[in-house]
Structure formats: C-alpha cells, structure tokens
Amino acid sequence: MAIAEKLNARIQLMVSRTMNGAQFKSVIGNRIRKERDDLIASGAAAPGYVRRVDGSLGKLEEDVRLHGGSVTYIFSTIAQATNWALTECRNRSPVSSGAFRDSWSVLVDGKAWTKSPAEIPMGSEVWIVNTMPYARKIEVGGQQIRVPPRIVEAVRQSLMRRYKRVKALRAFKPLQGGRDARGDPVPYILQSAGIASGISWNKKEGWGRKHAAYVSRRKGRQAGEQMLYPTLILTEKW
C-alpha cells in the first residue's frame, strides 16, 4: 500500500465507555504514531518528517480534532531520493576492478555524509559524486566503456520523473579532501591538458567518432588545474 494511502487510512479503535477524553486522545495519538513508525521501520518512509495536526505545525497527535481532524506527515523526500539515486549510479557504473562503482560518495551541505542516506535531514543540499580521476571522461562520453556514458545525467532525468518534489541538477564541481576507492587523494590534479577525444555514443548506433582527437584549451582542463567532478545536486522543492 502506498504511503499516502496508509497515512490517510481511517484508524478504527475500540474504546471503552469509561474512558475519559484525555485517555481517548492518548489512545488515538499512540495509534497514529505506531502507523508512522511502522512505515519508517519498513523502509517505506524516511525518519525525517514534518508533522501537521489539523493543518498546524507544533501540535501533537493527541491534539487532533476528534471529528474531521487530520494528522499529516511530510516525510523527507530528499532522503528517499538520495538513496534511490546513489543505488542507480552504482547500478549503472561500468565494472572492471569495481573502483569506479565503489567511488560514489554523498555530500550533505558540503560535508561528507557517512550515515545512512535515510537519515539526511529535510532541507539539505545533497551532492552525489564519483571521485575517480576518469569520472568526467565517463560522464561526457570521452572514454569508451561497456555501458552507456552520462551516468549522472541519466540518473538525474529518471529521478526528476520519479520524485516530483526534488530538484535535480548536473554540474561539474571542484572537491576538497578525501580519498577515492583506490586510496588516491582527492582532488585529482591534471597532469596534462585534457584531450577532446571525438568519441561519441548514442542509443541507436552505440560508440562512434565525431572528429579527430585534439588538445582542449578549455579552462578547468589544463595541466596543474584540479579536475572538476560530475555531480548530481539534489534539493527539495517547497
């Protein structure tokens, strides 16, 4: 059953005639919280949420009107979307040594996130990024691999269709500090100017070549500069 259906389902209670108003409201509040906690425990909803009781913030479940009242939980969509996107990035990754697949990392508000994605607070800005030195080549299609390139962009498009309350952007971002899956330092410093390979890929024809390879003169692709990493940026729409 979908989350909305569970949360909107009418809760039926057997109440003793001797129960006073406070006791009755306590039973209702406990039952509503159990429904909420069961959803979270099952993984169908994230631990982070905003509670509205009869349309107001700050009230408890016990404060709900007994006739026509409502308790609504707005769960953290950003947490669910991050968990889904991270799994998709890994599933779409080419696998040889496994280093690229294992180098997907999550940053929350600019800091490495080491907890479960389900615990990401509402309102956070989330980055999902692969820290391998060749991540940019794979994203732009400049390196021939066994799977379709542009992994971040493909996940971005799928995520936007799946999570309507999440805004997803692709950008090429600098990183500071950390190690990739092979233990090498991040950021990677370019040893020479980048090469525009001329390699291209499309769904119909697969891999091909648009033009001969040449040395790129673009900023951010020159020797001594740090690599800019393809990044999926997630924020919630309000």
C-alpha atoms as a PDB file:
ATOM      1  CA  MET A   1       0.000   0.000   0.000  1.00  0.00           C
ATOM      2  CA  ALA A   2       1.330   3.471  -0.870  1.00  0.00           C
ATOM      3  CA  ILE A   3       2.466   5.811   1.909  1.00  0.00           C
ATOM      4  CA  ALA A   4      -0.324   8.300   1.224  1.00  0.00           C
ATOM      5  CA  GLU A   5      -2.922   5.532   1.412  1.00  0.00           C
ATOM      6  CA  LYS A   6      -1.568   4.307   4.728  1.00  0.00           C
ATOM      7  CA  LEU A   7      -1.409   7.765   6.245  1.00  0.00           C
ATOM      8  CA  ASN A   8      -4.898   8.665   5.055  1.00  0.00           C
ATOM      9  CA  ALA A   9      -6.472   5.376   6.083  1.00  0.00           C
ATOM     10  CA  ARG A  10      -9.174   5.684   8.741  1.00  0.00           C
ATOM     11  CA  ILE A  11      -7.902   4.366  12.079  1.00  0.00           C
ATOM     12  CA  GLN A  12     -10.548   2.269  13.798  1.00  0.00           C
ATOM     13  CA  LEU A  13     -10.433   1.971  17.588  1.00  0.00           C
ATOM     14  CA  MET A  14     -12.407   0.017  20.156  1.00  0.00           C
ATOM     15  CA  VAL A  15     -12.830   2.427  23.050  1.00  0.00           C
ATOM     16  CA  SER A  16     -14.262   1.667  26.466  1.00  0.00           C
ATOM     17  CA  ARG A  17     -17.306   3.725  27.514  1.00  0.00           C
ATOM     18  CA  THR A  18     -15.495   4.506  30.784  1.00  0.00           C
ATOM     19  CA  MET A  19     -12.526   6.142  29.010  1.00  0.00           C
ATOM     20  CA  ASN A  20     -12.305   9.902  29.538  1.00  0.00           C
ATOM     21  CA  GLY A  21     -11.390  12.455  26.861  1.00  0.00           C
ATOM     22  CA  ALA A  22      -7.682  12.622  27.693  1.00  0.00           C
ATOM     23  CA  GLN A  23      -7.383   8.821  27.682  1.00  0.00           C
ATOM     24  CA  PHE A  24      -9.250   8.607  24.401  1.00  0.00           C
ATOM     25  CA  LYS A  25      -6.936  11.174  22.753  1.00  0.00           C
ATOM     26  CA  SER A  26      -3.901   9.332  24.148  1.00  0.00           C
ATOM     27  CA  VAL A  27      -5.050   6.094  22.502  1.00  0.00           C
ATOM     28  CA  ILE A  28      -5.579   7.895  19.195  1.00  0.00           C
ATOM     29  CA  GLY A  29      -2.175   9.592  19.374  1.00  0.00           C
ATOM     30  CA  ASN A  30      -0.390   6.319  20.143  1.00  0.00           C
ATOM     31  CA  ARG A  31      -2.134   4.532  17.284  1.00  0.00           C
ATOM     32  CA  ILE A  32      -1.236   7.261  14.782  1.00  0.00           C
ATOM     33  CA  ARG A  33       2.419   7.233  15.911  1.00  0.00           C
ATOM     34  CA  LYS A  34       2.531   3.442  15.560  1.00  0.00           C
ATOM     35  CA  GLU A  35       1.311   3.696  11.954  1.00  0.00           C
ATOM     36  CA  ARG A  36       4.028   6.280  11.304  1.00  0.00           C
ATOM     37  CA  ASP A  37       6.783   4.272  12.994  1.00  0.00           C
ATOM     38  CA  ASP A  38       5.788   1.090  11.158  1.00  0.00           C
ATOM     39  CA  LEU A  39       6.203   2.902   7.850  1.00  0.00           C
ATOM     40  CA  ILE A  40       9.651   4.158   8.849  1.00  0.00           C
ATOM     41  CA  ALA A  41      10.751   0.742  10.141  1.00  0.00           C
ATOM     42  CA  SER A  42       9.658  -0.925   6.890  1.00  0.00           C
ATOM     43  CA  GLY A  43      11.792   1.482   4.850  1.00  0.00           C
ATOM     44  CA  ALA A  44       8.745   2.900   3.063  1.00  0.00           C
ATOM     45  CA  ALA A  45       9.325   6.317   4.663  1.00  0.00           C
ATOM     46  CA  ALA A  46      12.389   8.214   5.850  1.00  0.00           C
ATOM     47  CA  PRO A  47      12.968   9.007   9.554  1.00  0.00           C
ATOM     48  CA  GLY A  48      12.869  12.750   8.898  1.00  0.00           C
ATOM     49  CA  TYR A  49       9.443  14.354   8.635  1.00  0.00           C
ATOM     50  CA  VAL A  50       7.319  17.413   9.349  1.00  0.00           C
ATOM     51  CA  ARG A  51       4.072  16.859  11.275  1.00  0.00           C
ATOM     52  CA  ARG A  52       0.909  18.872  10.712  1.00  0.00           C
ATOM     53  CA  VAL A  53      -2.085  18.421  13.004  1.00  0.00           C
ATOM     54  CA  ASP A  54      -5.276  19.923  11.598  1.00  0.00           C
ATOM     55  CA  GLY A  55      -3.049  21.933   9.272  1.00  0.00           C
ATOM     56  CA  SER A  56      -0.876  23.417  12.051  1.00  0.00           C
ATOM     57  CA  LEU A  57       2.772  22.815  12.965  1.00  0.00           C
ATOM     58  CA  GLY A  58       3.878  22.280  16.555  1.00  0.00           C
ATOM     59  CA  LYS A  59       0.874  20.299  17.755  1.00  0.00           C
ATOM     60  CA  LEU A  60       0.967  16.705  18.975  1.00  0.00           C
ATOM     61  CA  GLU A  61      -1.050  13.830  17.591  1.00  0.00           C
ATOM     62  CA  GLU A  62      -3.268  13.969  20.689  1.00  0.00           C
ATOM     63  CA  ASP A  63      -4.348  17.488  19.727  1.00  0.00           C
ATOM     64  CA  VAL A  64      -6.176  16.341  16.590  1.00  0.00           C
ATOM     65  CA  ARG A  65      -9.873  17.160  16.377  1.00  0.00           C
ATOM     66  CA  LEU A  66     -11.971  14.083  17.081  1.00  0.00           C
ATOM     67  CA  HIS A  67     -14.400  14.905  14.301  1.00  0.00           C
ATOM     68  CA  GLY A  68     -12.947  15.735  10.878  1.00  0.00           C
ATOM     69  CA  GLY A  69      -9.399  16.229  12.176  1.00  0.00           C
ATOM     70  CA  SER A  70      -6.242  15.117  10.375  1.00  0.00           C
ATOM     71  CA  VAL A  71      -2.621  14.287  11.138  1.00  0.00           C
ATOM     72  CA  THR A  72      -0.278  14.584   8.156  1.00  0.00           C
ATOM     73  CA  TYR A  73       3.389  13.592   7.990  1.00  0.00           C
ATOM     74  CA  ILE A  74       5.517  15.099   5.224  1.00  0.00           C
ATOM     75  CA  PHE A  75       8.455  12.711   5.027  1.00  0.00           C
ATOM     76  CA  SER A  76      11.904  13.749   3.857  1.00  0.00           C
ATOM     77  CA  THR A  77      11.781  13.257   0.105  1.00  0.00           C
ATOM     78  CA  ILE A  78      15.446  14.247  -0.191  1.00  0.00           C
ATOM     79  CA  ALA A  79      16.474  11.220   1.888  1.00  0.00           C
ATOM     80  CA  GLN A  80      14.478   8.778  -0.236  1.00  0.00           C
ATOM     81  CA  ALA A  81      15.661  10.380  -3.484  1.00  0.00           C
ATOM     82  CA  THR A  82      19.300  10.277  -2.395  1.00  0.00           C
ATOM     83  CA  ASN A  83      19.121   6.605  -1.502  1.00  0.00           C
ATOM     84  CA  TRP A  84      17.494   5.786  -4.850  1.00  0.00           C
ATOM     85  CA  ALA A  85      19.919   7.924  -6.898  1.00  0.00           C
ATOM     86  CA  LEU A  86      23.008   6.518  -5.168  1.00  0.00           C
ATOM     87  CA  THR A  87      21.854   2.965  -5.890  1.00  0.00           C
ATOM     88  CA  GLU A  88      21.102   3.879  -9.523  1.00  0.00           C
ATOM     89  CA  CYS A  89      24.547   5.455 -10.020  1.00  0.00           C
ATOM     90  CA  ARG A  90      26.201   2.298  -8.741  1.00  0.00           C
ATOM     91  CA  ASN A  91      23.979   0.002 -10.800  1.00  0.00           C
ATOM     92  CA  ARG A  92      24.745   1.944 -13.990  1.00  0.00           C
ATOM     93  CA  SER A  93      28.511   2.003 -13.380  1.00  0.00           C
ATOM     94  CA  PRO A  94      30.970   0.057 -15.540  1.00  0.00           C
ATOM     95  CA  VAL A  95      32.618  -2.684 -13.501  1.00  0.00           C
ATOM     96  CA  SER A  96      36.176  -3.869 -14.070  1.00  0.00           C
ATOM     97  CA  SER A  97      38.074  -3.620 -10.797  1.00  0.00           C
ATOM     98  CA  GLY A  98      34.983  -2.195  -9.086  1.00  0.00           C
ATOM     99  CA  ALA A  99      36.813   1.001  -8.107  1.00  0.00           C
ATOM    100  CA  PHE A 100      34.554   3.309 -10.124  1.00  0.00           C
ATOM    101  CA  ARG A 101      31.357   1.744  -8.774  1.00  0.00           C
ATOM    102  CA  ASP A 102      32.693   1.986  -5.219  1.00  0.00           C
ATOM    103  CA  SER A 103      33.752   5.643  -5.538  1.00  0.00           C
ATOM    104  CA  TRP A 104      30.266   7.178  -5.497  1.00  0.00           C
ATOM    105  CA  SER A 105      30.089   9.478  -2.478  1.00  0.00           C
ATOM    106  CA  VAL A 106      27.423  11.627  -0.820  1.00  0.00           C
ATOM    107  CA  LEU A 107      27.998  15.149   0.498  1.00  0.00           C
ATOM    108  CA  VAL A 108      25.344  16.913   2.561  1.00  0.00           C
ATOM    109  CA  ASP A 109      25.596  20.692   2.771  1.00  0.00           C
ATOM    110  CA  GLY A 110      29.214  20.469   1.619  1.00  0.00           C
ATOM    111  CA  LYS A 111      30.365  17.767   4.056  1.00  0.00           C
ATOM    112  CA  ALA A 112      30.947  14.045   3.501  1.00  0.00           C
ATOM    113  CA  TRP A 113      27.941  12.037   4.709  1.00  0.00           C
ATOM    114  CA  THR A 114      28.908   8.798   6.465  1.00  0.00           C
ATOM    115  CA  LYS A 115      25.488   7.850   7.843  1.00  0.00           C
ATOM    116  CA  SER A 116      22.652   6.116   6.035  1.00  0.00           C
ATOM    117  CA  PRO A 117      21.031   8.251   3.291  1.00  0.00           C
ATOM    118  CA  ALA A 118      17.724   7.685   5.129  1.00  0.00           C
ATOM    119  CA  GLU A 119      18.980   9.997   7.909  1.00  0.00           C
ATOM    120  CA  ILE A 120      19.619  13.026   5.677  1.00  0.00           C
ATOM    121  CA  PRO A 121      17.705  15.989   7.181  1.00  0.00           C
ATOM    122  CA  MET A 122      14.948  17.738   5.291  1.00  0.00           C
ATOM    123  CA  GLY A 123      16.042  20.929   3.569  1.00  0.00           C
ATOM    124  CA  SER A 124      19.590  19.695   2.885  1.00  0.00           C
ATOM    125  CA  GLU A 125      21.528  20.188  -0.333  1.00  0.00           C
ATOM    126  CA  VAL A 126      22.874  16.811  -1.408  1.00  0.00           C
ATOM    127  CA  TRP A 127      25.715  16.110  -3.818  1.00  0.00           C
ATOM    128  CA  ILE A 128      26.254  12.651  -5.300  1.00  0.00           C
ATOM    129  CA  VAL A 129      29.654  12.482  -6.963  1.00  0.00           C
ATOM    130  CA  ASN A 130      32.128   9.907  -8.238  1.00  0.00           C
ATOM    131  CA  THR A 131      35.661  10.676  -7.047  1.00  0.00           C
ATOM    132  CA  MET A 132      37.685   8.667  -9.600  1.00  0.00           C
ATOM    133  CA  PRO A 133      40.050  10.713 -11.858  1.00  0.00           C
ATOM    134  CA  TYR A 134      38.331   9.450 -15.018  1.00  0.00           C
ATOM    135  CA  ALA A 135      34.773  10.178 -13.802  1.00  0.00           C
ATOM    136  CA  ARG A 136      34.500  13.242 -16.047  1.00  0.00           C
ATOM    137  CA  LYS A 137      35.575  11.299 -19.144  1.00  0.00           C
ATOM    138  CA  ILE A 138      32.922   8.695 -18.469  1.00  0.00           C
ATOM    139  CA  GLU A 139      30.235  11.329 -17.882  1.00  0.00           C
ATOM    140  CA  VAL A 140      30.880  13.301 -21.083  1.00  0.00           C
ATOM    141  CA  GLY A 141      31.439  10.191 -23.205  1.00  0.00           C
ATOM    142  CA  GLY A 142      35.138  10.808 -23.765  1.00  0.00           C
ATOM    143  CA  GLN A 143      36.121   7.310 -22.694  1.00  0.00           C
ATOM    144  CA  GLN A 144      34.669   4.195 -24.290  1.00  0.00           C
ATOM    145  CA  ILE A 145      33.153   1.903 -21.674  1.00  0.00           C
ATOM    146  CA  ARG A 146      30.913  -1.186 -21.648  1.00  0.00           C
ATOM    147  CA  VAL A 147      27.822   0.730 -20.531  1.00  0.00           C
ATOM    148  CA  PRO A 148      26.190   3.968 -21.748  1.00  0.00           C
ATOM    149  CA  PRO A 149      28.032   7.133 -20.608  1.00  0.00           C
ATOM    150  CA  ARG A 150      26.479  10.214 -18.984  1.00  0.00           C
ATOM    151  CA  ILE A 151      25.538   8.242 -15.880  1.00  0.00           C
ATOM    152  CA  VAL A 152      24.846  11.324 -13.736  1.00  0.00           C
ATOM    153  CA  GLU A 153      22.624  12.867 -16.405  1.00  0.00           C
ATOM    154  CA  ALA A 154      20.679   9.639 -16.942  1.00  0.00           C
ATOM    155  CA  VAL A 155      20.040   9.291 -13.205  1.00  0.00           C
ATOM    156  CA  ARG A 156      19.069  12.976 -12.993  1.00  0.00           C
ATOM    157  CA  GLN A 157      16.399  12.585 -15.664  1.00  0.00           C
ATOM    158  CA  SER A 158      14.977   9.405 -14.115  1.00  0.00           C
ATOM    159  CA  LEU A 159      14.940  10.952 -10.643  1.00  0.00           C
ATOM    160  CA  MET A 160      13.020  14.028 -11.804  1.00  0.00           C
ATOM    161  CA  ARG A 161      10.281  11.779 -13.169  1.00  0.00           C
ATOM    162  CA  ARG A 162      10.151   9.667 -10.007  1.00  0.00           C
ATOM    163  CA  TYR A 163      10.412  12.367  -7.289  1.00  0.00           C
ATOM    164  CA  LYS A 164       8.327  15.401  -8.199  1.00  0.00           C
ATOM    165  CA  ARG A 165       9.283  17.304  -5.036  1.00  0.00           C
ATOM    166  CA  VAL A 166      13.024  17.074  -5.689  1.00  0.00           C
ATOM    167  CA  LYS A 167      15.000  19.387  -7.966  1.00  0.00           C
ATOM    168  CA  ALA A 168      17.978  17.670  -9.612  1.00  0.00           C
ATOM    169  CA  LEU A 169      20.839  19.379 -11.445  1.00  0.00           C
ATOM    170  CA  ARG A 170      24.032  18.119 -13.038  1.00  0.00           C
ATOM    171  CA  ALA A 171      27.152  20.235 -12.611  1.00  0.00           C
ATOM    172  CA  PHE A 172      30.937  19.812 -12.704  1.00  0.00           C
ATOM    173  CA  LYS A 173      32.244  20.737  -9.263  1.00  0.00           C
ATOM    174  CA  PRO A 174      35.622  21.015  -7.501  1.00  0.00           C
ATOM    175  CA  LEU A 175      36.158  18.811  -4.457  1.00  0.00           C
ATOM    176  CA  GLN A 176      38.441  19.288  -1.483  1.00  0.00           C
ATOM    177  CA  GLY A 177      39.915  16.465   0.585  1.00  0.00           C
ATOM    178  CA  GLY A 178      39.325  12.764   0.898  1.00  0.00           C
ATOM    179  CA  ARG A 179      40.370   9.627  -0.986  1.00  0.00           C
ATOM    180  CA  ASP A 180      38.892   7.702  -3.872  1.00  0.00           C
ATOM    181  CA  ALA A 181      38.270   3.922  -3.805  1.00  0.00           C
ATOM    182  CA  ARG A 182      41.901   3.239  -4.780  1.00  0.00           C
ATOM    183  CA  GLY A 183      43.191   5.374  -1.912  1.00  0.00           C
ATOM    184  CA  ASP A 184      44.439   8.216  -4.122  1.00  0.00           C
ATOM    185  CA  PRO A 185      43.955  11.806  -2.915  1.00  0.00           C
ATOM    186  CA  VAL A 186      41.021  13.968  -3.976  1.00  0.00           C
ATOM    187  CA  PRO A 187      41.050  16.297  -5.853  1.00  0.00           C
ATOM    188  CA  TYR A 188      42.962  14.863  -8.789  1.00  0.00           C
ATOM    189  CA  ILE A 189      45.388  17.374 -10.340  1.00  0.00           C
ATOM    190  CA  LEU A 190      45.547  17.209 -14.120  1.00  0.00           C
ATOM    191  CA  GLN A 191      48.990  16.132 -15.318  1.00  0.00           C
ATOM    192  CA  SER A 192      48.474  17.442 -18.847  1.00  0.00           C
ATOM    193  CA  ALA A 193      45.873  19.281 -20.899  1.00  0.00           C
ATOM    194  CA  GLY A 194      42.652  17.387 -21.469  1.00  0.00           C
ATOM    195  CA  ILE A 195      42.018  15.686 -24.777  1.00  0.00           C
ATOM    196  CA  ALA A 196      38.783  16.141 -26.691  1.00  0.00           C
ATOM    197  CA  SER A 197      38.594  12.561 -27.887  1.00  0.00           C
ATOM    198  CA  GLY A 198      35.902  12.983 -30.527  1.00  0.00           C
ATOM    199  CA  ILE A 199      34.314   9.745 -29.322  1.00  0.00           C
ATOM    200  CA  SER A 200      30.518   9.824 -29.104  1.00  0.00           C
ATOM    201  CA  TRP A 201      27.715   7.460 -28.124  1.00  0.00           C
ATOM    202  CA  ASN A 202      24.035   7.241 -28.924  1.00  0.00           C
ATOM    203  CA  LYS A 203      21.355   4.649 -28.244  1.00  0.00           C
ATOM    204  CA  LYS A 204      20.831   3.737 -31.887  1.00  0.00           C
ATOM    205  CA  GLU A 205      24.407   3.305 -33.109  1.00  0.00           C
ATOM    206  CA  GLY A 206      26.460   2.885 -29.936  1.00  0.00           C
ATOM    207  CA  TRP A 207      30.011   4.214 -29.980  1.00  0.00           C
ATOM    208  CA  GLY A 208      31.388   6.225 -32.873  1.00  0.00           C
ATOM    209  CA  ARG A 209      33.687   9.153 -33.620  1.00  0.00           C
ATOM    210  CA  LYS A 210      32.585  12.696 -34.452  1.00  0.00           C
ATOM    211  CA  HIS A 211      36.030  14.179 -35.069  1.00  0.00           C
ATOM    212  CA  ALA A 212      39.728  13.553 -34.627  1.00  0.00           C
ATOM    213  CA  ALA A 213      41.136  13.945 -31.107  1.00  0.00           C
ATOM    214  CA  TYR A 214      42.670  17.292 -30.195  1.00  0.00           C
ATOM    215  CA  VAL A 215      44.106  19.039 -27.128  1.00  0.00           C
ATOM    216  CA  SER A 216      41.490  21.067 -25.293  1.00  0.00           C
ATOM    217  CA  ARG A 217      42.144  24.710 -24.422  1.00  0.00           C
ATOM    218  CA  ARG A 218      39.146  24.982 -22.124  1.00  0.00           C
ATOM    219  CA  LYS A 219      39.577  26.339 -18.606  1.00  0.00           C
ATOM    220  CA  GLY A 220      39.475  23.595 -15.995  1.00  0.00           C
ATOM    221  CA  ARG A 221      41.119  21.099 -18.339  1.00  0.00           C
ATOM    222  CA  GLN A 222      44.717  22.330 -18.282  1.00  0.00           C
ATOM    223  CA  ALA A 223      47.810  20.825 -16.633  1.00  0.00           C
ATOM    224  CA  GLY A 224      48.110  21.821 -12.977  1.00  0.00           C
ATOM    225  CA  GLU A 225      44.393  22.513 -12.547  1.00  0.00           C
ATOM    226  CA  GLN A 226      42.232  20.301 -10.419  1.00  0.00           C
ATOM    227  CA  MET A 227      39.646  18.099 -12.032  1.00  0.00           C
ATOM    228  CA  LEU A 228      36.006  19.163 -11.938  1.00  0.00           C
ATOM    229  CA  TYR A 229      33.851  16.193 -10.936  1.00  0.00           C
ATOM    230  CA  PRO A 230      30.431  15.404 -12.445  1.00  0.00           C
ATOM    231  CA  THR A 231      27.961  15.954  -9.611  1.00  0.00           C
ATOM    232  CA  LEU A 232      24.267  15.284  -9.119  1.00  0.00           C
ATOM    233  CA  ILE A 233      22.855  18.087  -6.934  1.00  0.00           C
ATOM    234  CA  LEU A 234      19.564  17.451  -5.129  1.00  0.00           C
ATOM    235  CA  THR A 235      17.361  19.917  -3.274  1.00  0.00           C
ATOM    236  CA  GLU A 236      13.723  19.779  -2.188  1.00  0.00           C
ATOM    237  CA  LYS A 237      11.038  21.925  -3.780  1.00  0.00           C
ATOM    238  CA  TRP A 238       8.867  23.832  -1.309  1.00  0.00           C
END
